[in-house]
Amino acid sequence: MSELHGIERHLNLPSVEELIRLLRSDLFERITDAHVRAVGEYGAIELDGESFFARAFSAGKEVAASLALARELGVRQVLTDLQALRASMLGPCLAVS
């Protein structure tokens, strides 16, 4: 988990929100190494016609690393951590989703 926390320090709010959207989706199961590489190179990916990371994200490498860790550690663990990070970025009044 310390590796995940180190990565998270470099994520911005749009990246965190897009990661959460993908991790909550059933489409996450279809993520391949090629998808992770594309995101790491600041590219968008498409899964069953749905686009993810279509906007420019300054934290592409960290997003890709987060996706790789979710594949390795499990979605639930990474998603829980990202939701806590999102809440800390937004503050308690805005973090409800």
PDB file of N, CA and C in Angstrom:
ATOM      1  N   MET A   1       0.808  -1.194   0.000  1.00  0.00           N
ATOM      2  CA  MET A   1       0.000   0.000   0.000  1.00  0.00           C
ATOM      3  C   MET A   1       0.854   1.262   0.000  1.00  0.00           C
ATOM      4  N   SER A   2       2.044   1.213   0.501  1.00  0.00           N
ATOM      5  CA  SER A   2       2.878   2.417   0.493  1.00  0.00           C
ATOM      6  C   SER A   2       3.196   2.838  -0.935  1.00  0.00           C
ATOM      7  N   GLU A   3       3.318   1.867  -1.843  1.00  0.00           N
ATOM      8  CA  GLU A   3       3.548   2.188  -3.253  1.00  0.00           C
ATOM      9  C   GLU A   3       2.352   2.965  -3.818  1.00  0.00           C
ATOM     10  N   LEU A   4       1.141   2.518  -3.495  1.00  0.00           N
ATOM     11  CA  LEU A   4      -0.067   3.202  -3.942  1.00  0.00           C
ATOM     12  C   LEU A   4      -0.127   4.616  -3.377  1.00  0.00           C
ATOM     13  N   HIS A   5       0.172   4.770  -2.109  1.00  0.00           N
ATOM     14  CA  HIS A   5       0.141   6.098  -1.490  1.00  0.00           C
ATOM     15  C   HIS A   5       1.171   7.029  -2.126  1.00  0.00           C
ATOM     16  N   GLY A   6       2.319   6.504  -2.478  1.00  0.00           N
ATOM     17  CA  GLY A   6       3.330   7.308  -3.154  1.00  0.00           C
ATOM     18  C   GLY A   6       2.853   7.778  -4.514  1.00  0.00           C
ATOM     19  N   ILE A   7       2.197   6.916  -5.225  1.00  0.00           N
ATOM     20  CA  ILE A   7       1.653   7.265  -6.539  1.00  0.00           C
ATOM     21  C   ILE A   7       0.560   8.316  -6.404  1.00  0.00           C
ATOM     22  N   GLU A   8      -0.298   8.129  -5.420  1.00  0.00           N
ATOM     23  CA  GLU A   8      -1.452   9.006  -5.250  1.00  0.00           C
ATOM     24  C   GLU A   8      -1.065  10.456  -4.990  1.00  0.00           C
ATOM     25  N   ARG A   9       0.104  10.673  -4.417  1.00  0.00           N
ATOM     26  CA  ARG A   9       0.535  12.051  -4.129  1.00  0.00           C
ATOM     27  C   ARG A   9       0.636  12.891  -5.390  1.00  0.00           C
ATOM     28  N   HIS A  10       0.774  12.249  -6.551  1.00  0.00           N
ATOM     29  CA  HIS A  10       0.963  12.966  -7.810  1.00  0.00           C
ATOM     30  C   HIS A  10      -0.307  13.021  -8.659  1.00  0.00           C
ATOM     31  N   LEU A  11      -1.401  12.503  -8.151  1.00  0.00           N
ATOM     32  CA  LEU A  11      -2.649  12.527  -8.906  1.00  0.00           C
ATOM     33  C   LEU A  11      -3.372  13.852  -8.702  1.00  0.00           C
ATOM     34  N   ASN A  12      -4.062  14.297  -9.740  1.00  0.00           N
ATOM     35  CA  ASN A  12      -4.904  15.473  -9.618  1.00  0.00           C
ATOM     36  C   ASN A  12      -6.361  15.018  -9.525  1.00  0.00           C
ATOM     37  N   LEU A  13      -7.246  15.920  -9.150  1.00  0.00           N
ATOM     38  CA  LEU A  13      -8.641  15.558  -8.933  1.00  0.00           C
ATOM     39  C   LEU A  13      -9.311  14.956 -10.177  1.00  0.00           C
ATOM     40  N   PRO A  14      -9.139  15.529 -11.378  1.00  0.00           N
ATOM     41  CA  PRO A  14      -9.771  14.895 -12.548  1.00  0.00           C
ATOM     42  C   PRO A  14      -9.282  13.461 -12.772  1.00  0.00           C
ATOM     43  N   SER A  15      -8.001  13.221 -12.510  1.00  0.00           N
ATOM     44  CA  SER A  15      -7.463  11.868 -12.656  1.00  0.00           C
ATOM     45  C   SER A  15      -8.099  10.913 -11.656  1.00  0.00           C
ATOM     46  N   VAL A  16      -8.212  11.364 -10.417  1.00  0.00           N
ATOM     47  CA  VAL A  16      -8.807  10.533  -9.371  1.00  0.00           C
ATOM     48  C   VAL A  16     -10.262  10.213  -9.721  1.00  0.00           C
ATOM     49  N   GLU A  17     -11.004  11.210 -10.168  1.00  0.00           N
ATOM     50  CA  GLU A  17     -12.406  10.991 -10.495  1.00  0.00           C
ATOM     51  C   GLU A  17     -12.567  10.031 -11.668  1.00  0.00           C
ATOM     52  N   GLU A  18     -11.700  10.152 -12.670  1.00  0.00           N
ATOM     53  CA  GLU A  18     -11.788   9.238 -13.816  1.00  0.00           C
ATOM     54  C   GLU A  18     -11.364   7.825 -13.414  1.00  0.00           C
ATOM     55  N   LEU A  19     -10.361   7.705 -12.567  1.00  0.00           N
ATOM     56  CA  LEU A  19      -9.970   6.391 -12.058  1.00  0.00           C
ATOM     57  C   LEU A  19     -11.127   5.743 -11.295  1.00  0.00           C
ATOM     58  N   ILE A  20     -11.771   6.501 -10.438  1.00  0.00           N
ATOM     59  CA  ILE A  20     -12.903   5.967  -9.673  1.00  0.00           C
ATOM     60  C   ILE A  20     -14.016   5.530 -10.616  1.00  0.00           C
ATOM     61  N   ARG A  21     -14.298   6.345 -11.634  1.00  0.00           N
ATOM     62  CA  ARG A  21     -15.352   5.987 -12.605  1.00  0.00           C
ATOM     63  C   ARG A  21     -15.041   4.661 -13.289  1.00  0.00           C
ATOM     64  N   LEU A  22     -13.788   4.474 -13.685  1.00  0.00           N
ATOM     65  CA  LEU A  22     -13.403   3.227 -14.348  1.00  0.00           C
ATOM     66  C   LEU A  22     -13.415   2.050 -13.376  1.00  0.00           C
ATOM     67  N   LEU A  23     -12.880   2.237 -12.184  1.00  0.00           N
ATOM     68  CA  LEU A  23     -12.821   1.132 -11.222  1.00  0.00           C
ATOM     69  C   LEU A  23     -14.214   0.691 -10.771  1.00  0.00           C
ATOM     70  N   ARG A  24     -15.162   1.614 -10.750  1.00  0.00           N
ATOM     71  CA  ARG A  24     -16.543   1.257 -10.393  1.00  0.00           C
ATOM     72  C   ARG A  24     -17.276   0.548 -11.533  1.00  0.00           C
ATOM     73  N   SER A  25     -16.768   0.673 -12.730  1.00  0.00           N
ATOM     74  CA  SER A  25     -17.406   0.115 -13.922  1.00  0.00           C
ATOM     75  C   SER A  25     -17.080  -1.370 -14.077  1.00  0.00           C
ATOM     76  N   ASP A  26     -18.028  -2.102 -14.606  1.00  0.00           N
ATOM     77  CA  ASP A  26     -17.771  -3.509 -14.937  1.00  0.00           C
ATOM     78  C   ASP A  26     -16.737  -3.636 -16.051  1.00  0.00           C
ATOM     79  N   LEU A  27     -16.505  -2.560 -16.768  1.00  0.00           N
ATOM     80  CA  LEU A  27     -15.552  -2.578 -17.871  1.00  0.00           C
ATOM     81  C   LEU A  27     -14.109  -2.707 -17.394  1.00  0.00           C
ATOM     82  N   PHE A  28     -13.847  -2.408 -16.129  1.00  0.00           N
ATOM     83  CA  PHE A  28     -12.476  -2.506 -15.628  1.00  0.00           C
ATOM     84  C   PHE A  28     -11.903  -3.913 -15.851  1.00  0.00           C
ATOM     85  N   GLU A  29     -12.731  -4.916 -15.795  1.00  0.00           N
ATOM     86  CA  GLU A  29     -12.269  -6.298 -15.977  1.00  0.00           C
ATOM     87  C   GLU A  29     -11.635  -6.509 -17.347  1.00  0.00           C
ATOM     88  N   ARG A  30     -11.900  -5.615 -18.284  1.00  0.00           N
ATOM     89  CA  ARG A  30     -11.385  -5.757 -19.649  1.00  0.00           C
ATOM     90  C   ARG A  30     -10.094  -4.988 -19.894  1.00  0.00           C
ATOM     91  N   ILE A  31      -9.586  -4.348 -18.866  1.00  0.00           N
ATOM     92  CA  ILE A  31      -8.343  -3.584 -19.001  1.00  0.00           C
ATOM     93  C   ILE A  31      -7.192  -4.541 -19.309  1.00  0.00           C
ATOM     94  N   THR A  32      -6.419  -4.184 -20.314  1.00  0.00           N
ATOM     95  CA  THR A  32      -5.251  -4.981 -20.696  1.00  0.00           C
ATOM     96  C   THR A  32      -3.978  -4.188 -20.433  1.00  0.00           C
ATOM     97  N   ASP A  33      -2.855  -4.851 -20.580  1.00  0.00           N
ATOM     98  CA  ASP A  33      -1.572  -4.156 -20.455  1.00  0.00           C
ATOM     99  C   ASP A  33      -1.472  -3.031 -21.484  1.00  0.00           C
ATOM    100  N   ALA A  34      -2.015  -3.243 -22.683  1.00  0.00           N
ATOM    101  CA  ALA A  34      -1.982  -2.210 -23.721  1.00  0.00           C
ATOM    102  C   ALA A  34      -2.771  -0.978 -23.293  1.00  0.00           C
ATOM    103  N   HIS A  35      -3.899  -1.184 -22.623  1.00  0.00           N
ATOM    104  CA  HIS A  35      -4.676  -0.049 -22.112  1.00  0.00           C
ATOM    105  C   HIS A  35      -3.868   0.725 -21.076  1.00  0.00           C
ATOM    106  N   VAL A  36      -3.255   0.004 -20.164  1.00  0.00           N
ATOM    107  CA  VAL A  36      -2.463   0.645 -19.109  1.00  0.00           C
ATOM    108  C   VAL A  36      -1.329   1.448 -19.734  1.00  0.00           C
ATOM    109  N   ARG A  37      -0.653   0.884 -20.736  1.00  0.00           N
ATOM    110  CA  ARG A  37       0.428   1.603 -21.417  1.00  0.00           C
ATOM    111  C   ARG A  37      -0.093   2.861 -22.101  1.00  0.00           C
ATOM    112  N   ALA A  38      -1.238   2.751 -22.776  1.00  0.00           N
ATOM    113  CA  ALA A  38      -1.816   3.911 -23.472  1.00  0.00           C
ATOM    114  C   ALA A  38      -2.117   5.039 -22.496  1.00  0.00           C
ATOM    115  N   VAL A  39      -2.688   4.709 -21.349  1.00  0.00           N
ATOM    116  CA  VAL A  39      -2.984   5.722 -20.340  1.00  0.00           C
ATOM    117  C   VAL A  39      -1.682   6.322 -19.808  1.00  0.00           C
ATOM    118  N   GLY A  40      -0.688   5.491 -19.621  1.00  0.00           N
ATOM    119  CA  GLY A  40       0.617   5.970 -19.151  1.00  0.00           C
ATOM    120  C   GLY A  40       1.282   6.925 -20.129  1.00  0.00           C
ATOM    121  N   GLU A  41       0.899   6.816 -21.403  1.00  0.00           N
ATOM    122  CA  GLU A  41       1.415   7.723 -22.434  1.00  0.00           C
ATOM    123  C   GLU A  41       0.428   8.852 -22.698  1.00  0.00           C
ATOM    124  N   TYR A  42      -0.445   9.098 -21.715  1.00  0.00           N
ATOM    125  CA  TYR A  42      -1.401  10.211 -21.741  1.00  0.00           C
ATOM    126  C   TYR A  42      -2.460  10.063 -22.834  1.00  0.00           C
ATOM    127  N   GLY A  43      -2.772   8.815 -23.204  1.00  0.00           N
ATOM    128  CA  GLY A  43      -3.783   8.576 -24.212  1.00  0.00           C
ATOM    129  C   GLY A  43      -5.105   8.153 -23.608  1.00  0.00           C
ATOM    130  N   ALA A  44      -6.157   8.330 -24.389  1.00  0.00           N
ATOM    131  CA  ALA A  44      -7.481   7.855 -24.006  1.00  0.00           C
ATOM    132  C   ALA A  44      -7.592   6.378 -24.351  1.00  0.00           C
ATOM    133  N   ILE A  45      -8.476   5.694 -23.652  1.00  0.00           N
ATOM    134  CA  ILE A  45      -8.774   4.300 -23.986  1.00  0.00           C
ATOM    135  C   ILE A  45     -10.276   4.164 -24.160  1.00  0.00           C
ATOM    136  N   GLU A  46     -10.665   3.129 -24.895  1.00  0.00           N
ATOM    137  CA  GLU A  46     -12.079   2.865 -25.108  1.00  0.00           C
ATOM    138  C   GLU A  46     -12.358   1.407 -24.773  1.00  0.00           C
ATOM    139  N   LEU A  47     -13.419   1.204 -24.013  1.00  0.00           N
ATOM    140  CA  LEU A  47     -13.850  -0.137 -23.630  1.00  0.00           C
ATOM    141  C   LEU A  47     -15.328  -0.258 -23.967  1.00  0.00           C
ATOM    142  N   ASP A  48     -15.656  -1.148 -24.865  1.00  0.00           N
ATOM    143  CA  ASP A  48     -17.043  -1.340 -25.300  1.00  0.00           C
ATOM    144  C   ASP A  48     -17.728  -0.033 -25.665  1.00  0.00           C
ATOM    145  N   GLY A  49     -17.028   0.812 -26.388  1.00  0.00           N
ATOM    146  CA  GLY A  49     -17.590   2.067 -26.856  1.00  0.00           C
ATOM    147  C   GLY A  49     -17.591   3.199 -25.849  1.00  0.00           C
ATOM    148  N   GLU A  50     -17.145   2.947 -24.628  1.00  0.00           N
ATOM    149  CA  GLU A  50     -17.088   3.997 -23.608  1.00  0.00           C
ATOM    150  C   GLU A  50     -15.649   4.486 -23.473  1.00  0.00           C
ATOM    151  N   SER A  51     -15.503   5.791 -23.539  1.00  0.00           N
ATOM    152  CA  SER A  51     -14.183   6.397 -23.492  1.00  0.00           C
ATOM    153  C   SER A  51     -13.795   6.734 -22.049  1.00  0.00           C
ATOM    154  N   PHE A  52     -12.536   6.495 -21.734  1.00  0.00           N
ATOM    155  CA  PHE A  52     -11.963   6.842 -20.442  1.00  0.00           C
ATOM    156  C   PHE A  52     -10.676   7.616 -20.689  1.00  0.00           C
ATOM    157  N   PHE A  53     -10.417   8.597 -19.851  1.00  0.00           N
ATOM    158  CA  PHE A  53      -9.204   9.408 -19.911  1.00  0.00           C
ATOM    159  C   PHE A  53      -9.080  10.152 -21.246  1.00  0.00           C
ATOM    160  N   ALA A  54     -10.216  10.585 -21.795  1.00  0.00           N
ATOM    161  CA  ALA A  54     -10.223  11.306 -23.066  1.00  0.00           C
ATOM    162  C   ALA A  54      -9.657  12.720 -22.922  1.00  0.00           C
ATOM    163  N   ARG A  55      -9.777  13.291 -21.746  1.00  0.00           N
ATOM    164  CA  ARG A  55      -9.185  14.608 -21.513  1.00  0.00           C
ATOM    165  C   ARG A  55      -7.710  14.447 -21.180  1.00  0.00           C
ATOM    166  N   ALA A  56      -6.992  15.499 -21.372  1.00  0.00           N
ATOM    167  CA  ALA A  56      -5.559  15.455 -21.030  1.00  0.00           C
ATOM    168  C   ALA A  56      -5.406  15.395 -19.514  1.00  0.00           C
ATOM    169  N   PHE A  57      -4.647  14.453 -19.048  1.00  0.00           N
ATOM    170  CA  PHE A  57      -4.366  14.309 -17.625  1.00  0.00           C
ATOM    171  C   PHE A  57      -2.868  14.468 -17.420  1.00  0.00           C
ATOM    172  N   SER A  58      -2.499  15.326 -16.495  1.00  0.00           N
ATOM    173  CA  SER A  58      -1.077  15.557 -16.257  1.00  0.00           C
ATOM    174  C   SER A  58      -0.424  14.414 -15.506  1.00  0.00           C
ATOM    175  N   ALA A  59      -1.239  13.535 -14.960  1.00  0.00           N
ATOM    176  CA  ALA A  59      -0.697  12.465 -14.126  1.00  0.00           C
ATOM    177  C   ALA A  59      -0.821  11.096 -14.813  1.00  0.00           C
ATOM    178  N   GLY A  60      -0.592  11.048 -16.120  1.00  0.00           N
ATOM    179  CA  GLY A  60      -0.776   9.815 -16.879  1.00  0.00           C
ATOM    180  C   GLY A  60      -0.005   8.627 -16.336  1.00  0.00           C
ATOM    181  N   LYS A  61       1.232   8.840 -15.979  1.00  0.00           N
ATOM    182  CA  LYS A  61       2.050   7.732 -15.454  1.00  0.00           C
ATOM    183  C   LYS A  61       1.485   7.217 -14.136  1.00  0.00           C
ATOM    184  N   GLU A  62       1.053   8.131 -13.283  1.00  0.00           N
ATOM    185  CA  GLU A  62       0.488   7.733 -11.995  1.00  0.00           C
ATOM    186  C   GLU A  62      -0.866   7.050 -12.170  1.00  0.00           C
ATOM    187  N   VAL A  63      -1.644   7.514 -13.137  1.00  0.00           N
ATOM    188  CA  VAL A  63      -2.925   6.866 -13.427  1.00  0.00           C
ATOM    189  C   VAL A  63      -2.677   5.439 -13.898  1.00  0.00           C
ATOM    190  N   ALA A  64      -1.732   5.273 -14.804  1.00  0.00           N
ATOM    191  CA  ALA A  64      -1.406   3.934 -15.304  1.00  0.00           C
ATOM    192  C   ALA A  64      -0.918   3.032 -14.168  1.00  0.00           C
ATOM    193  N   ALA A  65      -0.091   3.585 -13.293  1.00  0.00           N
ATOM    194  CA  ALA A  65       0.395   2.797 -12.165  1.00  0.00           C
ATOM    195  C   ALA A  65      -0.754   2.408 -11.246  1.00  0.00           C
ATOM    196  N   SER A  66      -1.704   3.308 -11.040  1.00  0.00           N
ATOM    197  CA  SER A  66      -2.872   3.000 -10.205  1.00  0.00           C
ATOM    198  C   SER A  66      -3.704   1.889 -10.830  1.00  0.00           C
ATOM    199  N   LEU A  67      -3.877   1.940 -12.151  1.00  0.00           N
ATOM    200  CA  LEU A  67      -4.619   0.881 -12.837  1.00  0.00           C
ATOM    201  C   LEU A  67      -3.899  -0.457 -12.698  1.00  0.00           C
ATOM    202  N   ALA A  68      -2.584  -0.435 -12.854  1.00  0.00           N
ATOM    203  CA  ALA A  68      -1.806  -1.667 -12.716  1.00  0.00           C
ATOM    204  C   ALA A  68      -1.917  -2.224 -11.297  1.00  0.00           C
ATOM    205  N   LEU A  69      -1.865  -1.353 -10.305  1.00  0.00           N
ATOM    206  CA  LEU A  69      -2.004  -1.813  -8.921  1.00  0.00           C
ATOM    207  C   LEU A  69      -3.407  -2.354  -8.655  1.00  0.00           C
ATOM    208  N   ALA A  70      -4.419  -1.757  -9.254  1.00  0.00           N
ATOM    209  CA  ALA A  70      -5.785  -2.274  -9.087  1.00  0.00           C
ATOM    210  C   ALA A  70      -5.895  -3.674  -9.682  1.00  0.00           C
ATOM    211  N   ARG A  71      -5.208  -3.904 -10.780  1.00  0.00           N
ATOM    212  CA  ARG A  71      -5.209  -5.247 -11.369  1.00  0.00           C
ATOM    213  C   ARG A  71      -4.469  -6.224 -10.471  1.00  0.00           C
ATOM    214  N   GLU A  72      -3.403  -5.759  -9.830  1.00  0.00           N
ATOM    215  CA  GLU A  72      -2.573  -6.620  -8.993  1.00  0.00           C
ATOM    216  C   GLU A  72      -3.152  -6.827  -7.591  1.00  0.00           C
ATOM    217  N   LEU A  73      -3.549  -5.730  -6.942  1.00  0.00           N
ATOM    218  CA  LEU A  73      -4.007  -5.790  -5.550  1.00  0.00           C
ATOM    219  C   LEU A  73      -5.504  -6.042  -5.415  1.00  0.00           C
ATOM    220  N   GLY A  74      -6.223  -5.710  -6.452  1.00  0.00           N
ATOM    221  CA  GLY A  74      -7.673  -5.828  -6.414  1.00  0.00           C
ATOM    222  C   GLY A  74      -8.324  -4.461  -6.454  1.00  0.00           C
ATOM    223  N   VAL A  75      -9.429  -4.390  -7.142  1.00  0.00           N
ATOM    224  CA  VAL A  75     -10.135  -3.131  -7.335  1.00  0.00           C
ATOM    225  C   VAL A  75     -10.588  -2.530  -6.018  1.00  0.00           C
ATOM    226  N   ARG A  76     -11.136  -3.337  -5.153  1.00  0.00           N
ATOM    227  CA  ARG A  76     -11.722  -2.814  -3.916  1.00  0.00           C
ATOM    228  C   ARG A  76     -10.711  -2.023  -3.095  1.00  0.00           C
ATOM    229  N   GLN A  77      -9.530  -2.566  -2.938  1.00  0.00           N
ATOM    230  CA  GLN A  77      -8.514  -1.912  -2.117  1.00  0.00           C
ATOM    231  C   GLN A  77      -8.106  -0.566  -2.711  1.00  0.00           C
ATOM    232  N   VAL A  78      -7.859  -0.528  -4.006  1.00  0.00           N
ATOM    233  CA  VAL A  78      -7.437   0.709  -4.662  1.00  0.00           C
ATOM    234  C   VAL A  78      -8.597   1.706  -4.705  1.00  0.00           C
ATOM    235  N   LEU A  79      -9.786   1.230  -5.001  1.00  0.00           N
ATOM    236  CA  LEU A  79     -10.956   2.109  -5.056  1.00  0.00           C
ATOM    237  C   LEU A  79     -11.219   2.770  -3.700  1.00  0.00           C
ATOM    238  N   THR A  80     -11.136   2.005  -2.646  1.00  0.00           N
ATOM    239  CA  THR A  80     -11.336   2.556  -1.304  1.00  0.00           C
ATOM    240  C   THR A  80     -10.316   3.652  -1.023  1.00  0.00           C
ATOM    241  N   ASP A  81      -9.085   3.411  -1.375  1.00  0.00           N
ATOM    242  CA  ASP A  81      -8.033   4.394  -1.142  1.00  0.00           C
ATOM    243  C   ASP A  81      -8.251   5.646  -1.990  1.00  0.00           C
ATOM    244  N   LEU A  82      -8.648   5.468  -3.250  1.00  0.00           N
ATOM    245  CA  LEU A  82      -8.889   6.619  -4.123  1.00  0.00           C
ATOM    246  C   LEU A  82     -10.090   7.436  -3.659  1.00  0.00           C
ATOM    247  N   GLN A  83     -11.100   6.772  -3.138  1.00  0.00           N
ATOM    248  CA  GLN A  83     -12.261   7.497  -2.639  1.00  0.00           C
ATOM    249  C   GLN A  83     -11.887   8.334  -1.415  1.00  0.00           C
ATOM    250  N   ALA A  84     -11.033   7.806  -0.573  1.00  0.00           N
ATOM    251  CA  ALA A  84     -10.554   8.572   0.581  1.00  0.00           C
ATOM    252  C   ALA A  84      -9.710   9.762   0.116  1.00  0.00           C
ATOM    253  N   LEU A  85      -8.888   9.539  -0.893  1.00  0.00           N
ATOM    254  CA  LEU A  85      -8.075  10.623  -1.445  1.00  0.00           C
ATOM    255  C   LEU A  85      -8.976  11.703  -2.045  1.00  0.00           C
ATOM    256  N   ARG A  86      -9.973  11.292  -2.793  1.00  0.00           N
ATOM    257  CA  ARG A  86     -10.924  12.235  -3.395  1.00  0.00           C
ATOM    258  C   ARG A  86     -11.612  13.056  -2.306  1.00  0.00           C
ATOM    259  N   ALA A  87     -12.036  12.396  -1.249  1.00  0.00           N
ATOM    260  CA  ALA A  87     -12.706  13.102  -0.145  1.00  0.00           C
ATOM    261  C   ALA A  87     -11.770  14.127   0.485  1.00  0.00           C
ATOM    262  N   SER A  88     -10.500  13.790   0.633  1.00  0.00           N
ATOM    263  CA  SER A  88      -9.568  14.742   1.222  1.00  0.00           C
ATOM    264  C   SER A  88      -9.299  15.914   0.279  1.00  0.00           C
ATOM    265  N   MET A  89      -9.351  15.671  -1.036  1.00  0.00           N
ATOM    266  CA  MET A  89      -9.156  16.747  -2.010  1.00  0.00           C
ATOM    267  C   MET A  89     -10.345  17.699  -2.045  1.00  0.00           C
ATOM    268  N   LEU A  90     -11.532  17.156  -1.917  1.00  0.00           N
ATOM    269  CA  LEU A  90     -12.756  17.955  -2.005  1.00  0.00           C
ATOM    270  C   LEU A  90     -13.168  18.596  -0.694  1.00  0.00           C
ATOM    271  N   GLY A  91     -12.798  17.967   0.398  1.00  0.00           N
ATOM    272  CA  GLY A  91     -13.277  18.422   1.700  1.00  0.00           C
ATOM    273  C   GLY A  91     -14.556  17.680   2.045  1.00  0.00           C
ATOM    274  N   PRO A  92     -14.935  17.635   3.296  1.00  0.00           N
ATOM    275  CA  PRO A  92     -16.040  16.803   3.743  1.00  0.00           C
ATOM    276  C   PRO A  92     -17.407  17.169   3.147  1.00  0.00           C
ATOM    277  N   CYS A  93     -17.625  18.408   2.824  1.00  0.00           N
ATOM    278  CA  CYS A  93     -18.949  18.815   2.333  1.00  0.00           C
ATOM    279  C   CYS A  93     -19.171  18.441   0.879  1.00  0.00           C
ATOM    280  N   LEU A  94     -18.129  18.327   0.083  1.00  0.00           N
ATOM    281  CA  LEU A  94     -18.274  18.093  -1.349  1.00  0.00           C
ATOM    282  C   LEU A  94     -17.977  16.666  -1.767  1.00  0.00           C
ATOM    283  N   ALA A  95     -17.513  15.818  -0.885  1.00  0.00           N
ATOM    284  CA  ALA A  95     -17.019  14.494  -1.246  1.00  0.00           C
ATOM    285  C   ALA A  95     -18.099  13.436  -1.380  1.00  0.00           C
ATOM    286  N   VAL A  96     -19.346  13.746  -1.148  1.00  0.00           N
ATOM    287  CA  VAL A  96     -20.424  12.756  -1.247  1.00  0.00           C
ATOM    288  C   VAL A  96     -20.641  12.408  -2.703  1.00  0.00           C
ATOM    289  N   SER A  97     -20.669  11.095  -3.003  1.00  0.00           N
ATOM    290  CA  SER A  97     -20.945  10.669  -4.377  1.00  0.00           C
ATOM    291  C   SER A  97     -21.773   9.437  -4.409  1.00  0.00           C
TER     292      SER A  97
END
